[in-house]
Structure formats: structure tokens, C-alpha cells
Amino acid sequence: MLQTLINGLLIGGVYALIAVGLSMIHGVMKIVNFAQGDFLTIGMYFSYILYLYMPKGSLPYWLLIPVAILMFLFGVVVFRTSINRVIGKGDSNYILLTLGLSYLVQNVLQLIFGPNFRSLEVSRELKYGSISFFDDAMMLSHPRLIAFAGALIFVTLITYFLARTDLGRAMRATAESTTVAKTLGINVTRVFTIAFCLGTAFAGIAGLLMTPMFLISPQVGTTFSTIAMCAMVLGGLGNLKGAMIGGIILGLVESLSSNYLTMDIAPVIINTVLMLVLIFRPYGIFGKGARRA
């Protein structure tokens, strides 16, 4: 039981990182990015390509900054060419656009890399290494532990950024009311761009952290996109703390159901938990009435 809970907690931290990026986009721009999981896939492929130029067996985590920068720039391109055109134009517009982006990314990746699974040739020490406690009764996998620590660090940094910096305060003001933000002299378009690009960068970072644990394929992000949306709704739309806790809860639910039932039933259990939360607390665990889930 303890080992199962630890595994769920560690993978839940990575889910939280994806959900926080998605929640940031929704909190500031009031849109849901249905292509968030596919942006994670792009981050995995960026990691794969860059890793080919590193010595065999190197730690892929050295690529964190290059991948984050590439994903941020990718977010700038996507925002300026498409997302910026549908903000404030109705929910159906951004839903159709981001769903279209999702299918476009999957098909372009399949066209370039093919449908076959790929993986990083990391060292066995990283891939299968672990830290053991209580005479091997509890083991912490190195990739999962590093991914959890990385997710925790980045969530802490973004929380500090939003609370303590002028740009972060501008983003929070824009999240409350774009009209008031404009009257205060805030460049709302700039804030939207940064929020979207940070959410995209978070997806790419999560993709890098997952590469030692998961195989890479064009459709791998679909599952993570669903989990991120569930975590965001579970915690409360636009609430970063709620998104993080929602991601950890889903990681625990997935680990427990996979260990004590079957792997195939984990998505069913996750969606059941989401439905129960929405029935008894429709705004999410930390949501407010103004942002109905």
C-alpha cells in the first residue's frame, strides 16, 4: 500500500505540472487548450531530437532549459497565428481551434517521425535505478523522483512569480477582469501571450521529465491531455493550487486502481472521481462560484 501511494504521489506531481500550465491559460485567458497534451508530446520530441546530439547515457535533464525555450517560442508562434484571433469570440471558436491544433500536431508528428514508438537511450542506472527504504520495502524510482522534484520546483516558481512580480500581478489582474486591467494600463495582449507561452513551456517541461519513463509516439499526449483537464476541473478552474492538488489526487487514484484492480480500469476510475466531485461540488475542490466547472 505504501509503495503504491508513493508511486501515485510521484507521478501525480508530473500530472500537476501539466494541469498547472493548462489552468494558467484558462485562468488568464478564459479558454481551455484542448491541445495541451499534444504540446507535451512536442516537448518529448524536442527532447528526443536534442538528446541525439548528447553523449550516450547522458542525463536528459540537462536539456530542460533548451526545451523550455523552444516550447516558449513555439507558444509565441501558435498564439500569434491562431489563438489570438479567437479570444473573446465565443467558446465554440477556441474549442474547435484547439481541437484542430491537436489533430494537426498529431498528424504532423506522425508524418515526420512515423507511428513507431521511440525512446531516449538513457543509462540503466537512471531508467531502472531507485532509492530503497525499510529493507527494500519501499523504493523510489529515480525518474519518478526527479520528475516529481522538478514539477514541485516549477510550480513553486510560478506561484512566486504570480504573487511577487509586477508581471505576475498584471496576470492576476487580467484574470479577474480584462476591462479593469486595460483601464489600469496593462497590456492585455502581452499578458495573454506570456500566459499561453508559459503554459506551453510547462507542457514541454513535463514532456522532458516523462521521457525516461514513457515511450514517445505522436498520440501519447492524448491521455495526458485528458488527465490535465480532469485535474484542472477537479481542483477548480483557473486555480493553480487546485490544479496541483487535483493532479496529485489523480496520480494516487490511477496508482491505486492500477495496482489493486487492472490497468485498463484506471481511466474509468479517474472519470468517476471527476463526476462525483462535479455532482457534489460543481465548482471543483477550490473553485469559486464565479468560475463554474
C-alpha atoms as a PDB file:
ATOM      1  CA  MET A   1       0.000   0.000   0.000  1.00  0.00           C
ATOM      2  CA  LEU A   2       2.757   2.460   0.965  1.00  0.00           C
ATOM      3  CA  GLN A   3       4.668   1.756  -2.241  1.00  0.00           C
ATOM      4  CA  THR A   4       1.520   2.256  -4.297  1.00  0.00           C
ATOM      5  CA  LEU A   5       0.795   5.582  -2.612  1.00  0.00           C
ATOM      6  CA  ILE A   6       4.365   6.764  -3.159  1.00  0.00           C
ATOM      7  CA  ASN A   7       4.215   5.848  -6.865  1.00  0.00           C
ATOM      8  CA  GLY A   8       0.914   7.676  -7.224  1.00  0.00           C
ATOM      9  CA  LEU A   9       2.253  10.740  -5.443  1.00  0.00           C
ATOM     10  CA  LEU A  10       5.337  10.914  -7.664  1.00  0.00           C
ATOM     11  CA  ILE A  11       3.519  10.571 -10.989  1.00  0.00           C
ATOM     12  CA  GLY A  12       0.767  12.856  -9.679  1.00  0.00           C
ATOM     13  CA  GLY A  13       3.344  15.612  -9.318  1.00  0.00           C
ATOM     14  CA  VAL A  14       4.040  15.481 -13.058  1.00  0.00           C
ATOM     15  CA  TYR A  15       0.300  15.460 -13.805  1.00  0.00           C
ATOM     16  CA  ALA A  16       0.088  18.534 -11.589  1.00  0.00           C
ATOM     17  CA  LEU A  17       2.713  20.323 -13.695  1.00  0.00           C
ATOM     18  CA  ILE A  18       0.671  19.747 -16.875  1.00  0.00           C
ATOM     19  CA  ALA A  19      -2.540  20.801 -15.136  1.00  0.00           C
ATOM     20  CA  VAL A  20      -0.965  23.973 -13.725  1.00  0.00           C
ATOM     21  CA  GLY A  21       0.069  25.073 -17.229  1.00  0.00           C
ATOM     22  CA  LEU A  22      -3.435  24.386 -18.525  1.00  0.00           C
ATOM     23  CA  SER A  23      -5.008  26.125 -15.534  1.00  0.00           C
ATOM     24  CA  MET A  24      -2.827  29.192 -16.027  1.00  0.00           C
ATOM     25  CA  ILE A  25      -4.025  29.548 -19.613  1.00  0.00           C
ATOM     26  CA  HIS A  26      -7.648  29.190 -18.540  1.00  0.00           C
ATOM     27  CA  GLY A  27      -7.306  31.444 -15.512  1.00  0.00           C
ATOM     28  CA  VAL A  28      -5.896  34.366 -17.505  1.00  0.00           C
ATOM     29  CA  MET A  29      -7.460  33.894 -20.949  1.00  0.00           C
ATOM     30  CA  LYS A  30     -10.687  32.023 -20.022  1.00  0.00           C
ATOM     31  CA  ILE A  31     -10.077  29.363 -22.664  1.00  0.00           C
ATOM     32  CA  VAL A  32      -9.334  25.643 -22.383  1.00  0.00           C
ATOM     33  CA  ASN A  33      -6.452  24.435 -24.537  1.00  0.00           C
ATOM     34  CA  PHE A  34      -7.502  21.017 -25.818  1.00  0.00           C
ATOM     35  CA  ALA A  35      -4.073  20.635 -27.429  1.00  0.00           C
ATOM     36  CA  GLN A  36      -2.143  20.854 -24.134  1.00  0.00           C
ATOM     37  CA  GLY A  37      -1.323  17.137 -24.152  1.00  0.00           C
ATOM     38  CA  ASP A  38      -0.069  17.385 -27.726  1.00  0.00           C
ATOM     39  CA  PHE A  39       2.204  20.257 -26.706  1.00  0.00           C
ATOM     40  CA  LEU A  40       3.601  17.831 -24.133  1.00  0.00           C
ATOM     41  CA  THR A  41       4.260  15.404 -26.999  1.00  0.00           C
ATOM     42  CA  ILE A  42       6.147  18.127 -28.879  1.00  0.00           C
ATOM     43  CA  GLY A  43       8.273  18.647 -25.772  1.00  0.00           C
ATOM     44  CA  MET A  44       9.048  14.927 -25.743  1.00  0.00           C
ATOM     45  CA  TYR A  45      10.099  15.009 -29.399  1.00  0.00           C
ATOM     46  CA  PHE A  46      12.227  18.134 -28.848  1.00  0.00           C
ATOM     47  CA  SER A  47      13.927  16.225 -26.017  1.00  0.00           C
ATOM     48  CA  TYR A  48      14.400  13.199 -28.284  1.00  0.00           C
ATOM     49  CA  ILE A  49      15.967  15.239 -31.089  1.00  0.00           C
ATOM     50  CA  LEU A  50      18.309  17.198 -28.823  1.00  0.00           C
ATOM     51  CA  TYR A  51      19.292  14.077 -26.929  1.00  0.00           C
ATOM     52  CA  LEU A  52      20.637  12.562 -30.159  1.00  0.00           C
ATOM     53  CA  TYR A  53      23.456  15.130 -30.013  1.00  0.00           C
ATOM     54  CA  MET A  54      24.394  14.305 -26.438  1.00  0.00           C
ATOM     55  CA  PRO A  55      26.787  11.511 -25.366  1.00  0.00           C
ATOM     56  CA  LYS A  56      25.019   8.187 -24.995  1.00  0.00           C
ATOM     57  CA  GLY A  57      23.801   7.624 -21.459  1.00  0.00           C
ATOM     58  CA  SER A  58      23.781  11.320 -20.548  1.00  0.00           C
ATOM     59  CA  LEU A  59      21.162  12.774 -18.258  1.00  0.00           C
ATOM     60  CA  PRO A  60      18.335  14.238 -20.382  1.00  0.00           C
ATOM     61  CA  TYR A  61      17.562  16.804 -17.682  1.00  0.00           C
ATOM     62  CA  TRP A  62      20.402  19.000 -18.977  1.00  0.00           C
ATOM     63  CA  LEU A  63      18.024  19.749 -21.866  1.00  0.00           C
ATOM     64  CA  LEU A  64      15.472  21.394 -19.587  1.00  0.00           C
ATOM     65  CA  ILE A  65      16.357  24.998 -20.440  1.00  0.00           C
ATOM     66  CA  PRO A  66      16.681  24.456 -24.245  1.00  0.00           C
ATOM     67  CA  VAL A  67      13.383  22.552 -24.333  1.00  0.00           C
ATOM     68  CA  ALA A  68      11.639  25.225 -22.240  1.00  0.00           C
ATOM     69  CA  ILE A  69      12.917  27.972 -24.551  1.00  0.00           C
ATOM     70  CA  LEU A  70      11.881  26.080 -27.697  1.00  0.00           C
ATOM     71  CA  MET A  71       8.426  25.414 -26.273  1.00  0.00           C
ATOM     72  CA  PHE A  72       8.037  29.062 -25.222  1.00  0.00           C
ATOM     73  CA  LEU A  73       8.902  30.188 -28.762  1.00  0.00           C
ATOM     74  CA  PHE A  74       6.550  27.567 -30.174  1.00  0.00           C
ATOM     75  CA  GLY A  75       3.840  29.013 -27.930  1.00  0.00           C
ATOM     76  CA  VAL A  76       4.533  32.517 -29.296  1.00  0.00           C
ATOM     77  CA  VAL A  77       4.069  31.277 -32.866  1.00  0.00           C
ATOM     78  CA  VAL A  78       0.864  29.377 -32.064  1.00  0.00           C
ATOM     79  CA  PHE A  79      -0.613  32.281 -30.102  1.00  0.00           C
ATOM     80  CA  ARG A  80       0.128  34.960 -32.676  1.00  0.00           C
ATOM     81  CA  THR A  81      -1.001  32.896 -35.668  1.00  0.00           C
ATOM     82  CA  SER A  82      -4.147  31.330 -34.249  1.00  0.00           C
ATOM     83  CA  ILE A  83      -5.152  31.667 -30.575  1.00  0.00           C
ATOM     84  CA  ASN A  84      -5.064  35.466 -30.587  1.00  0.00           C
ATOM     85  CA  ARG A  85      -7.728  35.509 -33.300  1.00  0.00           C
ATOM     86  CA  VAL A  86     -10.403  33.681 -31.280  1.00  0.00           C
ATOM     87  CA  ILE A  87     -10.078  35.267 -27.820  1.00  0.00           C
ATOM     88  CA  GLY A  88     -13.395  36.801 -26.860  1.00  0.00           C
ATOM     89  CA  LYS A  89     -15.126  35.409 -29.956  1.00  0.00           C
ATOM     90  CA  GLY A  90     -17.168  32.717 -28.184  1.00  0.00           C
ATOM     91  CA  ASP A  91     -16.427  29.327 -26.636  1.00  0.00           C
ATOM     92  CA  SER A  92     -17.061  27.271 -29.780  1.00  0.00           C
ATOM     93  CA  ASN A  93     -14.317  29.109 -31.666  1.00  0.00           C
ATOM     94  CA  TYR A  94     -11.463  28.280 -29.299  1.00  0.00           C
ATOM     95  CA  ILE A  95     -12.770  24.738 -28.736  1.00  0.00           C
ATOM     96  CA  LEU A  96     -12.759  23.995 -32.464  1.00  0.00           C
ATOM     97  CA  LEU A  97      -9.417  25.749 -32.934  1.00  0.00           C
ATOM     98  CA  THR A  98      -7.557  23.923 -30.160  1.00  0.00           C
ATOM     99  CA  LEU A  99      -9.098  20.579 -31.149  1.00  0.00           C
ATOM    100  CA  GLY A 100      -7.914  21.274 -34.690  1.00  0.00           C
ATOM    101  CA  LEU A 101      -4.456  22.110 -33.369  1.00  0.00           C
ATOM    102  CA  SER A 102      -4.451  18.797 -31.514  1.00  0.00           C
ATOM    103  CA  TYR A 103      -5.181  16.787 -34.662  1.00  0.00           C
ATOM    104  CA  LEU A 104      -2.741  18.890 -36.693  1.00  0.00           C
ATOM    105  CA  VAL A 105       0.115  18.312 -34.242  1.00  0.00           C
ATOM    106  CA  GLN A 106      -0.544  14.561 -34.102  1.00  0.00           C
ATOM    107  CA  ASN A 107      -0.606  14.191 -37.871  1.00  0.00           C
ATOM    108  CA  VAL A 108       2.444  16.394 -38.482  1.00  0.00           C
ATOM    109  CA  LEU A 109       4.444  14.436 -35.895  1.00  0.00           C
ATOM    110  CA  GLN A 110       3.356  11.164 -37.449  1.00  0.00           C
ATOM    111  CA  LEU A 111       4.320  12.459 -40.898  1.00  0.00           C
ATOM    112  CA  ILE A 112       7.791  13.461 -39.665  1.00  0.00           C
ATOM    113  CA  PHE A 113       8.626  10.683 -37.199  1.00  0.00           C
ATOM    114  CA  GLY A 114       6.263   7.892 -38.247  1.00  0.00           C
ATOM    115  CA  PRO A 115       3.911   5.917 -35.997  1.00  0.00           C
ATOM    116  CA  ASN A 116       6.624   3.853 -34.289  1.00  0.00           C
ATOM    117  CA  PHE A 117       7.423   4.313 -30.613  1.00  0.00           C
ATOM    118  CA  ARG A 118      10.727   5.964 -29.741  1.00  0.00           C
ATOM    119  CA  SER A 119      12.655   6.333 -26.513  1.00  0.00           C
ATOM    120  CA  LEU A 120      15.716   8.032 -25.109  1.00  0.00           C
ATOM    121  CA  GLU A 121      18.727   5.748 -24.692  1.00  0.00           C
ATOM    122  CA  VAL A 122      19.331   6.774 -21.107  1.00  0.00           C
ATOM    123  CA  SER A 123      21.590   4.799 -18.804  1.00  0.00           C
ATOM    124  CA  ARG A 124      20.237   1.770 -16.948  1.00  0.00           C
ATOM    125  CA  GLU A 125      21.170   3.482 -13.693  1.00  0.00           C
ATOM    126  CA  LEU A 126      18.699   6.268 -14.462  1.00  0.00           C
ATOM    127  CA  LYS A 127      15.969   4.183 -16.077  1.00  0.00           C
ATOM    128  CA  TYR A 128      15.875   1.372 -13.522  1.00  0.00           C
ATOM    129  CA  GLY A 129      17.638   2.936 -10.545  1.00  0.00           C
ATOM    130  CA  SER A 130      15.836   3.544  -7.289  1.00  0.00           C
ATOM    131  CA  ILE A 131      16.318   4.568  -3.676  1.00  0.00           C
ATOM    132  CA  SER A 132      15.191   1.927  -1.185  1.00  0.00           C
ATOM    133  CA  PHE A 133      13.957   2.293   2.378  1.00  0.00           C
ATOM    134  CA  PHE A 134      12.964  -0.126   5.146  1.00  0.00           C
ATOM    135  CA  ASP A 135      14.949  -3.075   3.762  1.00  0.00           C
ATOM    136  CA  ASP A 136      13.604  -2.581   0.215  1.00  0.00           C
ATOM    137  CA  ALA A 137      10.004  -2.443   1.457  1.00  0.00           C
ATOM    138  CA  MET A 138       9.669   0.977  -0.207  1.00  0.00           C
ATOM    139  CA  MET A 139      11.500   2.049  -3.362  1.00  0.00           C
ATOM    140  CA  LEU A 140      11.600   5.443  -5.051  1.00  0.00           C
ATOM    141  CA  SER A 141      12.278   5.236  -8.770  1.00  0.00           C
ATOM    142  CA  HIS A 142      14.926   7.742  -9.885  1.00  0.00           C
ATOM    143  CA  PRO A 143      12.994   9.063 -12.937  1.00  0.00           C
ATOM    144  CA  ARG A 144       9.762   9.437 -10.964  1.00  0.00           C
ATOM    145  CA  LEU A 145      11.524  11.113  -8.041  1.00  0.00           C
ATOM    146  CA  ILE A 146      13.366  13.571 -10.312  1.00  0.00           C
ATOM    147  CA  ALA A 147      10.168  14.300 -12.254  1.00  0.00           C
ATOM    148  CA  PHE A 148       8.266  14.973  -9.030  1.00  0.00           C
ATOM    149  CA  ALA A 149      11.023  17.222  -7.677  1.00  0.00           C
ATOM    150  CA  GLY A 150      11.175  19.130 -10.972  1.00  0.00           C
ATOM    151  CA  ALA A 151       7.408  19.581 -11.044  1.00  0.00           C
ATOM    152  CA  LEU A 152       7.397  20.809  -7.438  1.00  0.00           C
ATOM    153  CA  ILE A 153      10.168  23.323  -8.150  1.00  0.00           C
ATOM    154  CA  PHE A 154       8.460  24.764 -11.222  1.00  0.00           C
ATOM    155  CA  VAL A 155       5.067  25.007  -9.549  1.00  0.00           C
ATOM    156  CA  THR A 156       6.721  26.830  -6.626  1.00  0.00           C
ATOM    157  CA  LEU A 157       8.497  29.203  -9.024  1.00  0.00           C
ATOM    158  CA  ILE A 158       5.334  30.058 -10.945  1.00  0.00           C
ATOM    159  CA  THR A 159       3.451  30.632  -7.687  1.00  0.00           C
ATOM    160  CA  TYR A 160       6.179  33.039  -6.561  1.00  0.00           C
ATOM    161  CA  PHE A 161       6.179  34.688  -9.997  1.00  0.00           C
ATOM    162  CA  LEU A 162       2.428  35.343  -9.872  1.00  0.00           C
ATOM    163  CA  ALA A 163       2.483  36.617  -6.280  1.00  0.00           C
ATOM    164  CA  ARG A 164       5.692  38.657  -6.124  1.00  0.00           C
ATOM    165  CA  THR A 165       6.424  40.151  -9.559  1.00  0.00           C
ATOM    166  CA  ASP A 166       4.779  43.053 -11.393  1.00  0.00           C
ATOM    167  CA  LEU A 167       4.098  40.886 -14.447  1.00  0.00           C
ATOM    168  CA  GLY A 168       2.600  38.191 -12.228  1.00  0.00           C
ATOM    169  CA  ARG A 169       0.315  40.744 -10.579  1.00  0.00           C
ATOM    170  CA  ALA A 170      -0.675  42.002 -14.030  1.00  0.00           C
ATOM    171  CA  MET A 171      -1.605  38.456 -14.999  1.00  0.00           C
ATOM    172  CA  ARG A 172      -3.713  38.069 -11.854  1.00  0.00           C
ATOM    173  CA  ALA A 173      -5.444  41.384 -12.524  1.00  0.00           C
ATOM    174  CA  THR A 174      -6.171  40.351 -16.106  1.00  0.00           C
ATOM    175  CA  ALA A 175      -7.549  37.049 -14.845  1.00  0.00           C
ATOM    176  CA  GLU A 176     -10.031  38.940 -12.656  1.00  0.00           C
ATOM    177  CA  SER A 177     -11.177  41.416 -15.322  1.00  0.00           C
ATOM    178  CA  THR A 178      -9.662  42.324 -18.673  1.00  0.00           C
ATOM    179  CA  THR A 179     -11.652  45.566 -18.736  1.00  0.00           C
ATOM    180  CA  VAL A 180     -10.282  46.764 -15.400  1.00  0.00           C
ATOM    181  CA  ALA A 181      -6.789  45.597 -16.410  1.00  0.00           C
ATOM    182  CA  LYS A 182      -6.946  47.751 -19.543  1.00  0.00           C
ATOM    183  CA  THR A 183      -8.030  50.789 -17.560  1.00  0.00           C
ATOM    184  CA  LEU A 184      -5.013  50.271 -15.298  1.00  0.00           C
ATOM    185  CA  GLY A 185      -2.726  50.452 -18.339  1.00  0.00           C
ATOM    186  CA  ILE A 186      -1.934  46.740 -18.534  1.00  0.00           C
ATOM    187  CA  ASN A 187      -1.098  45.431 -21.994  1.00  0.00           C
ATOM    188  CA  VAL A 188      -3.637  42.605 -22.032  1.00  0.00           C
ATOM    189  CA  THR A 189      -2.420  41.101 -25.311  1.00  0.00           C
ATOM    190  CA  ARG A 190       1.110  40.861 -23.903  1.00  0.00           C
ATOM    191  CA  VAL A 191      -0.214  39.230 -20.734  1.00  0.00           C
ATOM    192  CA  PHE A 192      -2.235  36.732 -22.779  1.00  0.00           C
ATOM    193  CA  THR A 193       0.838  35.889 -24.859  1.00  0.00           C
ATOM    194  CA  ILE A 194       3.040  35.280 -21.810  1.00  0.00           C
ATOM    195  CA  ALA A 195       0.362  33.222 -20.045  1.00  0.00           C
ATOM    196  CA  PHE A 196      -0.161  30.990 -23.083  1.00  0.00           C
ATOM    197  CA  CYS A 197       3.573  30.591 -23.696  1.00  0.00           C
ATOM    198  CA  LEU A 198       4.266  29.746 -20.048  1.00  0.00           C
ATOM    199  CA  GLY A 199       1.513  27.115 -20.164  1.00  0.00           C
ATOM    200  CA  THR A 200       3.055  25.718 -23.342  1.00  0.00           C
ATOM    201  CA  ALA A 201       6.534  25.705 -21.780  1.00  0.00           C
ATOM    202  CA  PHE A 202       5.187  23.846 -18.742  1.00  0.00           C
ATOM    203  CA  ALA A 203       3.761  21.170 -21.044  1.00  0.00           C
ATOM    204  CA  GLY A 204       7.151  20.825 -22.756  1.00  0.00           C
ATOM    205  CA  ILE A 205       8.999  20.591 -19.432  1.00  0.00           C
ATOM    206  CA  ALA A 206       6.580  17.890 -18.302  1.00  0.00           C
ATOM    207  CA  GLY A 207       7.269  16.057 -21.562  1.00  0.00           C
ATOM    208  CA  LEU A 208      11.024  16.168 -20.910  1.00  0.00           C
ATOM    209  CA  LEU A 209      10.587  14.910 -17.345  1.00  0.00           C
ATOM    210  CA  MET A 210       8.491  11.997 -18.640  1.00  0.00           C
ATOM    211  CA  THR A 211      10.811  10.844 -21.422  1.00  0.00           C
ATOM    212  CA  PRO A 212      12.856   8.440 -19.245  1.00  0.00           C
ATOM    213  CA  MET A 213       9.594   6.777 -18.110  1.00  0.00           C
ATOM    214  CA  PHE A 214       7.355   6.741 -21.193  1.00  0.00           C
ATOM    215  CA  LEU A 215       7.715   5.774 -24.829  1.00  0.00           C
ATOM    216  CA  ILE A 216       7.294   8.607 -27.327  1.00  0.00           C
ATOM    217  CA  SER A 217       4.663   8.494 -30.071  1.00  0.00           C
ATOM    218  CA  PRO A 218       2.510  11.100 -31.874  1.00  0.00           C
ATOM    219  CA  GLN A 219      -0.620  10.140 -29.881  1.00  0.00           C
ATOM    220  CA  VAL A 220       0.955   9.823 -26.433  1.00  0.00           C
ATOM    221  CA  GLY A 221      -0.254  13.257 -25.342  1.00  0.00           C
ATOM    222  CA  THR A 222      -3.963  12.442 -25.719  1.00  0.00           C
ATOM    223  CA  THR A 223      -4.131  10.601 -22.406  1.00  0.00           C
ATOM    224  CA  PHE A 224      -2.190  13.288 -20.574  1.00  0.00           C
ATOM    225  CA  SER A 225      -4.437  15.981 -22.011  1.00  0.00           C
ATOM    226  CA  THR A 226      -7.487  14.242 -20.558  1.00  0.00           C
ATOM    227  CA  ILE A 227      -5.779  13.835 -17.178  1.00  0.00           C
ATOM    228  CA  ALA A 228      -4.720  17.506 -17.120  1.00  0.00           C
ATOM    229  CA  MET A 229      -8.257  18.667 -17.865  1.00  0.00           C
ATOM    230  CA  CYS A 230      -9.668  16.379 -15.180  1.00  0.00           C
ATOM    231  CA  ALA A 231      -7.131  17.704 -12.675  1.00  0.00           C
ATOM    232  CA  MET A 232      -7.918  21.303 -13.569  1.00  0.00           C
ATOM    233  CA  VAL A 233     -11.680  20.814 -13.215  1.00  0.00           C
ATOM    234  CA  LEU A 234     -11.207  18.736 -10.065  1.00  0.00           C
ATOM    235  CA  GLY A 235      -9.199  21.466  -8.344  1.00  0.00           C
ATOM    236  CA  GLY A 236     -11.301  24.359  -9.652  1.00  0.00           C
ATOM    237  CA  LEU A 237     -10.985  26.147 -12.981  1.00  0.00           C
ATOM    238  CA  GLY A 238      -8.177  28.707 -13.002  1.00  0.00           C
ATOM    239  CA  ASN A 239      -6.934  27.765  -9.520  1.00  0.00           C
ATOM    240  CA  LEU A 240      -3.241  26.804  -9.651  1.00  0.00           C
ATOM    241  CA  LYS A 241      -3.171  25.303  -6.165  1.00  0.00           C
ATOM    242  CA  GLY A 242      -6.292  23.319  -7.001  1.00  0.00           C
ATOM    243  CA  ALA A 243      -4.769  22.107 -10.279  1.00  0.00           C
ATOM    244  CA  MET A 244      -1.680  20.855  -8.457  1.00  0.00           C
ATOM    245  CA  ILE A 245      -3.684  19.028  -5.795  1.00  0.00           C
ATOM    246  CA  GLY A 246      -6.028  17.690  -8.480  1.00  0.00           C
ATOM    247  CA  GLY A 247      -3.061  16.262 -10.401  1.00  0.00           C
ATOM    248  CA  ILE A 248      -1.717  14.553  -7.276  1.00  0.00           C
ATOM    249  CA  ILE A 249      -5.168  13.119  -6.470  1.00  0.00           C
ATOM    250  CA  LEU A 250      -5.468  11.670  -9.966  1.00  0.00           C
ATOM    251  CA  GLY A 251      -1.974  10.186  -9.712  1.00  0.00           C
ATOM    252  CA  LEU A 252      -2.954   8.462  -6.468  1.00  0.00           C
ATOM    253  CA  VAL A 253      -6.269   7.245  -7.923  1.00  0.00           C
ATOM    254  CA  GLU A 254      -4.504   5.886 -11.014  1.00  0.00           C
ATOM    255  CA  SER A 255      -1.833   4.116  -8.961  1.00  0.00           C
ATOM    256  CA  LEU A 256      -4.313   2.539  -6.531  1.00  0.00           C
ATOM    257  CA  SER A 257      -6.753   1.380  -9.227  1.00  0.00           C
ATOM    258  CA  SER A 258      -3.963   0.011 -11.442  1.00  0.00           C
ATOM    259  CA  ASN A 259      -2.349  -1.859  -8.559  1.00  0.00           C
ATOM    260  CA  TYR A 260      -5.441  -3.328  -6.920  1.00  0.00           C
ATOM    261  CA  LEU A 261      -7.731  -3.678  -9.956  1.00  0.00           C
ATOM    262  CA  THR A 262      -6.458  -3.548 -13.550  1.00  0.00           C
ATOM    263  CA  MET A 263      -4.515  -1.061 -15.675  1.00  0.00           C
ATOM    264  CA  ASP A 264      -7.451  -0.679 -18.079  1.00  0.00           C
ATOM    265  CA  ILE A 265      -9.856   0.485 -15.393  1.00  0.00           C
ATOM    266  CA  ALA A 266      -7.742   3.459 -14.246  1.00  0.00           C
ATOM    267  CA  PRO A 267      -9.321   5.950 -16.758  1.00  0.00           C
ATOM    268  CA  VAL A 268     -12.786   4.788 -15.692  1.00  0.00           C
ATOM    269  CA  ILE A 269     -11.991   5.390 -12.013  1.00  0.00           C
ATOM    270  CA  ILE A 270     -10.478   8.809 -12.778  1.00  0.00           C
ATOM    271  CA  ASN A 271     -13.565   9.948 -14.683  1.00  0.00           C
ATOM    272  CA  THR A 272     -15.838   8.546 -11.964  1.00  0.00           C
ATOM    273  CA  VAL A 273     -13.990  10.585  -9.321  1.00  0.00           C
ATOM    274  CA  LEU A 274     -14.349  13.665 -11.531  1.00  0.00           C
ATOM    275  CA  MET A 275     -18.092  13.097 -11.960  1.00  0.00           C
ATOM    276  CA  LEU A 276     -18.612  12.685  -8.217  1.00  0.00           C
ATOM    277  CA  VAL A 277     -16.753  15.919  -7.483  1.00  0.00           C
ATOM    278  CA  LEU A 278     -18.797  17.796 -10.076  1.00  0.00           C
ATOM    279  CA  ILE A 279     -22.044  16.386  -8.686  1.00  0.00           C
ATOM    280  CA  PHE A 280     -21.355  17.288  -5.062  1.00  0.00           C
ATOM    281  CA  ARG A 281     -19.088  20.305  -5.610  1.00  0.00           C
ATOM    282  CA  PRO A 282     -19.630  21.650  -9.147  1.00  0.00           C
ATOM    283  CA  TYR A 283     -17.033  24.420  -8.784  1.00  0.00           C
ATOM    284  CA  GLY A 284     -14.236  21.968  -8.021  1.00  0.00           C
ATOM    285  CA  ILE A 285     -12.434  21.474  -4.723  1.00  0.00           C
ATOM    286  CA  PHE A 286     -11.006  25.004  -4.584  1.00  0.00           C
ATOM    287  CA  GLY A 287     -13.173  26.649  -7.243  1.00  0.00           C
ATOM    288  CA  LYS A 288     -15.283  29.763  -6.776  1.00  0.00           C
ATOM    289  CA  GLY A 289     -18.853  30.262  -7.821  1.00  0.00           C
ATOM    290  CA  ALA A 290     -17.847  32.739 -10.481  1.00  0.00           C
ATOM    291  CA  ARG A 291     -15.912  30.034 -12.294  1.00  0.00           C
ATOM    292  CA  ARG A 292     -18.320  27.179 -12.547  1.00  0.00           C
ATOM    293  CA  ALA A 293     -16.599  23.949 -13.590  1.00  0.00           C
END
